Amino acid sequence: MISVTVGNNANRTTVIIDAHTTLRSALEDNGVDYTRGMTTLDGGPLKAGDLDKTFADFGITEKCFLYNIVKADNA
């Protein structure tokens, strides 16, 4: 089990997740819309197909940060 801080620009929460859970499932289970921004794992941007990998695939064993951040232009 790993401690994952998951969230977006407005909301962040820390949850305990099994290491064999996919990143996509972690985002969906915690109500994070990953289609509208850039998703990062421990500060590094994810590539196409990475959302279907597990935390174990990335070597995460204890804790991490999984965020989807929407960048907006200032008007």
N, C-alpha and C. Protein backbone atom coordinates (compact mmCIF):
# COMPACT_ATOMS: atom_id res chain seq x y z
N MET A 1 0.85 -1.17 0.00
CA MET A 1 0.00 0.00 0.00
C MET A 1 0.90 1.25 0.00
N ILE A 2 0.47 2.24 -0.77
CA ILE A 2 1.23 3.48 -0.85
C ILE A 2 0.31 4.67 -0.55
N SER A 3 0.91 5.72 -0.06
CA SER A 3 0.20 6.95 0.23
C SER A 3 0.31 7.86 -1.00
N VAL A 4 -0.83 8.18 -1.60
CA VAL A 4 -0.86 8.98 -2.81
C VAL A 4 -1.63 10.27 -2.53
N THR A 5 -0.98 11.39 -2.79
CA THR A 5 -1.67 12.68 -2.75
C THR A 5 -2.15 12.92 -4.17
N VAL A 6 -3.46 12.90 -4.35
CA VAL A 6 -4.07 12.99 -5.68
C VAL A 6 -4.97 14.22 -5.73
N GLY A 7 -4.96 14.91 -6.89
CA GLY A 7 -5.82 16.08 -6.97
C GLY A 7 -5.62 16.91 -8.22
N ASN A 8 -6.15 18.13 -8.13
CA ASN A 8 -6.07 19.08 -9.24
C ASN A 8 -5.76 20.47 -8.67
N ASN A 9 -6.01 21.53 -9.46
CA ASN A 9 -5.72 22.89 -9.02
C ASN A 9 -6.44 23.24 -7.72
N ALA A 10 -7.67 22.80 -7.57
CA ALA A 10 -8.50 23.24 -6.45
C ALA A 10 -8.53 22.29 -5.27
N ASN A 11 -8.45 20.99 -5.50
CA ASN A 11 -8.61 20.00 -4.44
C ASN A 11 -7.49 18.98 -4.46
N ARG A 12 -6.99 18.68 -3.26
CA ARG A 12 -5.98 17.62 -3.12
C ARG A 12 -6.32 16.81 -1.88
N THR A 13 -6.14 15.51 -2.00
CA THR A 13 -6.41 14.64 -0.86
C THR A 13 -5.38 13.51 -0.86
N THR A 14 -5.10 12.98 0.30
CA THR A 14 -4.17 11.87 0.42
C THR A 14 -4.96 10.60 0.70
N VAL A 15 -4.70 9.58 -0.11
CA VAL A 15 -5.40 8.30 0.01
C VAL A 15 -4.38 7.16 0.03
N ILE A 16 -4.79 6.04 0.56
CA ILE A 16 -3.96 4.83 0.56
C ILE A 16 -4.43 3.95 -0.60
N ILE A 17 -3.50 3.59 -1.48
CA ILE A 17 -3.84 2.85 -2.70
C ILE A 17 -2.88 1.67 -2.84
N ASP A 18 -3.40 0.58 -3.36
CA ASP A 18 -2.58 -0.59 -3.66
C ASP A 18 -1.62 -0.25 -4.80
N ALA A 19 -0.40 -0.73 -4.72
CA ALA A 19 0.63 -0.42 -5.72
C ALA A 19 0.28 -0.95 -7.11
N HIS A 20 -0.65 -1.89 -7.19
CA HIS A 20 -1.02 -2.48 -8.48
C HIS A 20 -2.26 -1.81 -9.09
N THR A 21 -2.64 -0.65 -8.57
CA THR A 21 -3.73 0.15 -9.12
C THR A 21 -3.18 1.00 -10.25
N THR A 22 -3.96 1.16 -11.33
CA THR A 22 -3.51 2.03 -12.42
C THR A 22 -3.68 3.50 -12.02
N LEU A 23 -2.89 4.35 -12.66
CA LEU A 23 -3.00 5.78 -12.39
C LEU A 23 -4.37 6.29 -12.78
N ARG A 24 -4.91 5.79 -13.89
CA ARG A 24 -6.24 6.19 -14.35
C ARG A 24 -7.30 5.87 -13.30
N SER A 25 -7.24 4.68 -12.72
CA SER A 25 -8.20 4.28 -11.68
C SER A 25 -8.09 5.17 -10.46
N ALA A 26 -6.87 5.51 -10.07
CA ALA A 26 -6.68 6.37 -8.91
C ALA A 26 -7.30 7.75 -9.14
N LEU A 27 -7.12 8.30 -10.32
CA LEU A 27 -7.70 9.60 -10.64
C LEU A 27 -9.22 9.52 -10.67
N GLU A 28 -9.76 8.51 -11.37
CA GLU A 28 -11.21 8.36 -11.49
C GLU A 28 -11.87 8.12 -10.14
N ASP A 29 -11.28 7.26 -9.32
CA ASP A 29 -11.84 6.94 -8.01
C ASP A 29 -11.88 8.14 -7.08
N ASN A 30 -11.04 9.13 -7.36
CA ASN A 30 -10.97 10.31 -6.51
C ASN A 30 -11.54 11.56 -7.17
N GLY A 31 -12.31 11.36 -8.26
CA GLY A 31 -13.04 12.44 -8.89
C GLY A 31 -12.19 13.47 -9.61
N VAL A 32 -11.02 13.08 -10.10
CA VAL A 32 -10.14 14.00 -10.81
C VAL A 32 -10.32 13.81 -12.32
N ASP A 33 -10.72 14.89 -13.00
CA ASP A 33 -10.88 14.86 -14.46
C ASP A 33 -9.50 15.03 -15.09
N TYR A 34 -8.96 13.97 -15.66
CA TYR A 34 -7.61 13.98 -16.23
C TYR A 34 -7.59 14.35 -17.71
N THR A 35 -8.76 14.72 -18.27
CA THR A 35 -8.83 15.02 -19.71
C THR A 35 -8.61 16.49 -20.02
N ARG A 36 -8.52 17.34 -19.01
CA ARG A 36 -8.49 18.78 -19.26
C ARG A 36 -7.18 19.46 -18.90
N GLY A 37 -6.19 18.74 -18.52
CA GLY A 37 -4.93 19.38 -18.12
C GLY A 37 -3.77 18.42 -18.29
N MET A 38 -2.66 18.77 -17.68
CA MET A 38 -1.46 17.94 -17.74
C MET A 38 -1.38 17.13 -16.45
N THR A 39 -1.25 15.82 -16.60
CA THR A 39 -1.15 14.94 -15.44
C THR A 39 0.32 14.68 -15.15
N THR A 40 0.68 14.80 -13.87
CA THR A 40 2.06 14.58 -13.47
C THR A 40 2.11 13.56 -12.33
N LEU A 41 3.20 12.83 -12.30
CA LEU A 41 3.49 11.89 -11.21
C LEU A 41 4.80 12.33 -10.59
N ASP A 42 4.75 12.73 -9.34
CA ASP A 42 5.91 13.28 -8.62
C ASP A 42 6.59 14.40 -9.41
N GLY A 43 5.79 15.24 -10.04
CA GLY A 43 6.30 16.42 -10.73
C GLY A 43 6.70 16.21 -12.18
N GLY A 44 6.76 14.97 -12.63
CA GLY A 44 7.15 14.68 -14.02
C GLY A 44 5.92 14.43 -14.87
N PRO A 45 5.87 15.03 -16.07
CA PRO A 45 4.69 14.83 -16.93
C PRO A 45 4.59 13.38 -17.41
N LEU A 46 3.35 12.91 -17.54
CA LEU A 46 3.11 11.55 -18.02
C LEU A 46 2.97 11.55 -19.54
N LYS A 47 3.38 10.46 -20.15
CA LYS A 47 3.29 10.30 -21.60
C LYS A 47 2.01 9.54 -21.95
N ALA A 48 1.71 9.50 -23.25
CA ALA A 48 0.55 8.74 -23.72
C ALA A 48 0.69 7.28 -23.29
N GLY A 49 -0.37 6.73 -22.74
CA GLY A 49 -0.37 5.34 -22.29
C GLY A 49 0.06 5.14 -20.85
N ASP A 50 0.65 6.16 -20.23
CA ASP A 50 1.12 6.02 -18.85
C ASP A 50 -0.02 5.88 -17.85
N LEU A 51 -1.21 6.41 -18.16
CA LEU A 51 -2.32 6.32 -17.22
C LEU A 51 -2.78 4.88 -16.99
N ASP A 52 -2.48 3.99 -17.93
CA ASP A 52 -2.88 2.60 -17.77
C ASP A 52 -1.80 1.74 -17.13
N LYS A 53 -0.71 2.37 -16.70
CA LYS A 53 0.33 1.66 -15.95
C LYS A 53 0.02 1.76 -14.46
N THR A 54 0.57 0.85 -13.70
CA THR A 54 0.34 0.85 -12.25
C THR A 54 1.44 1.65 -11.54
N PHE A 55 1.18 1.95 -10.29
CA PHE A 55 2.19 2.63 -9.49
C PHE A 55 3.44 1.76 -9.39
N ALA A 56 3.26 0.45 -9.30
CA ALA A 56 4.39 -0.47 -9.23
C ALA A 56 5.23 -0.40 -10.51
N ASP A 57 4.58 -0.20 -11.66
CA ASP A 57 5.31 -0.07 -12.92
C ASP A 57 6.29 1.10 -12.89
N PHE A 58 5.96 2.14 -12.13
CA PHE A 58 6.82 3.31 -12.01
C PHE A 58 7.80 3.19 -10.84
N GLY A 59 7.74 2.08 -10.11
CA GLY A 59 8.65 1.87 -8.99
C GLY A 59 8.24 2.61 -7.73
N ILE A 60 6.98 3.03 -7.64
CA ILE A 60 6.49 3.73 -6.46
C ILE A 60 6.20 2.69 -5.38
N THR A 61 6.80 2.86 -4.21
CA THR A 61 6.63 1.87 -3.15
C THR A 61 6.09 2.46 -1.84
N GLU A 62 6.26 3.77 -1.62
CA GLU A 62 5.83 4.34 -0.34
C GLU A 62 4.84 5.48 -0.49
N LYS A 63 5.23 6.54 -1.19
CA LYS A 63 4.33 7.68 -1.36
C LYS A 63 4.67 8.43 -2.64
N CYS A 64 3.67 9.18 -3.14
CA CYS A 64 3.87 9.96 -4.36
C CYS A 64 2.78 11.02 -4.47
N PHE A 65 2.94 11.87 -5.49
CA PHE A 65 1.98 12.93 -5.80
C PHE A 65 1.48 12.71 -7.22
N LEU A 66 0.17 12.64 -7.39
CA LEU A 66 -0.46 12.44 -8.70
C LEU A 66 -1.44 13.59 -8.91
N TYR A 67 -1.08 14.52 -9.78
CA TYR A 67 -1.89 15.72 -9.99
C TYR A 67 -2.27 15.88 -11.45
N ASN A 68 -3.42 16.52 -11.67
CA ASN A 68 -3.81 16.99 -12.99
C ASN A 68 -4.01 18.48 -12.87
N ILE A 69 -3.15 19.23 -13.51
CA ILE A 69 -3.15 20.68 -13.39
C ILE A 69 -3.58 21.31 -14.72
N VAL A 70 -4.59 22.17 -14.65
CA VAL A 70 -5.06 22.88 -15.82
C VAL A 70 -4.35 24.22 -15.88
N LYS A 71 -3.69 24.46 -17.01
CA LYS A 71 -3.02 25.75 -17.22
C LYS A 71 -4.00 26.64 -17.98
N ALA A 72 -4.22 27.84 -17.49
CA ALA A 72 -5.15 28.76 -18.13
C ALA A 72 -4.45 30.06 -18.48
N ASP A 73 -4.81 30.64 -19.62
CA ASP A 73 -4.28 31.94 -20.03
C ASP A 73 -4.96 33.03 -19.24
N ASN A 74 -4.23 34.05 -18.90
CA ASN A 74 -4.83 35.22 -18.24
C ASN A 74 -5.39 36.13 -19.32
N ALA A 75 -6.60 36.59 -19.13
CA ALA A 75 -7.24 37.45 -20.14
C ALA A 75 -6.97 38.90 -19.86
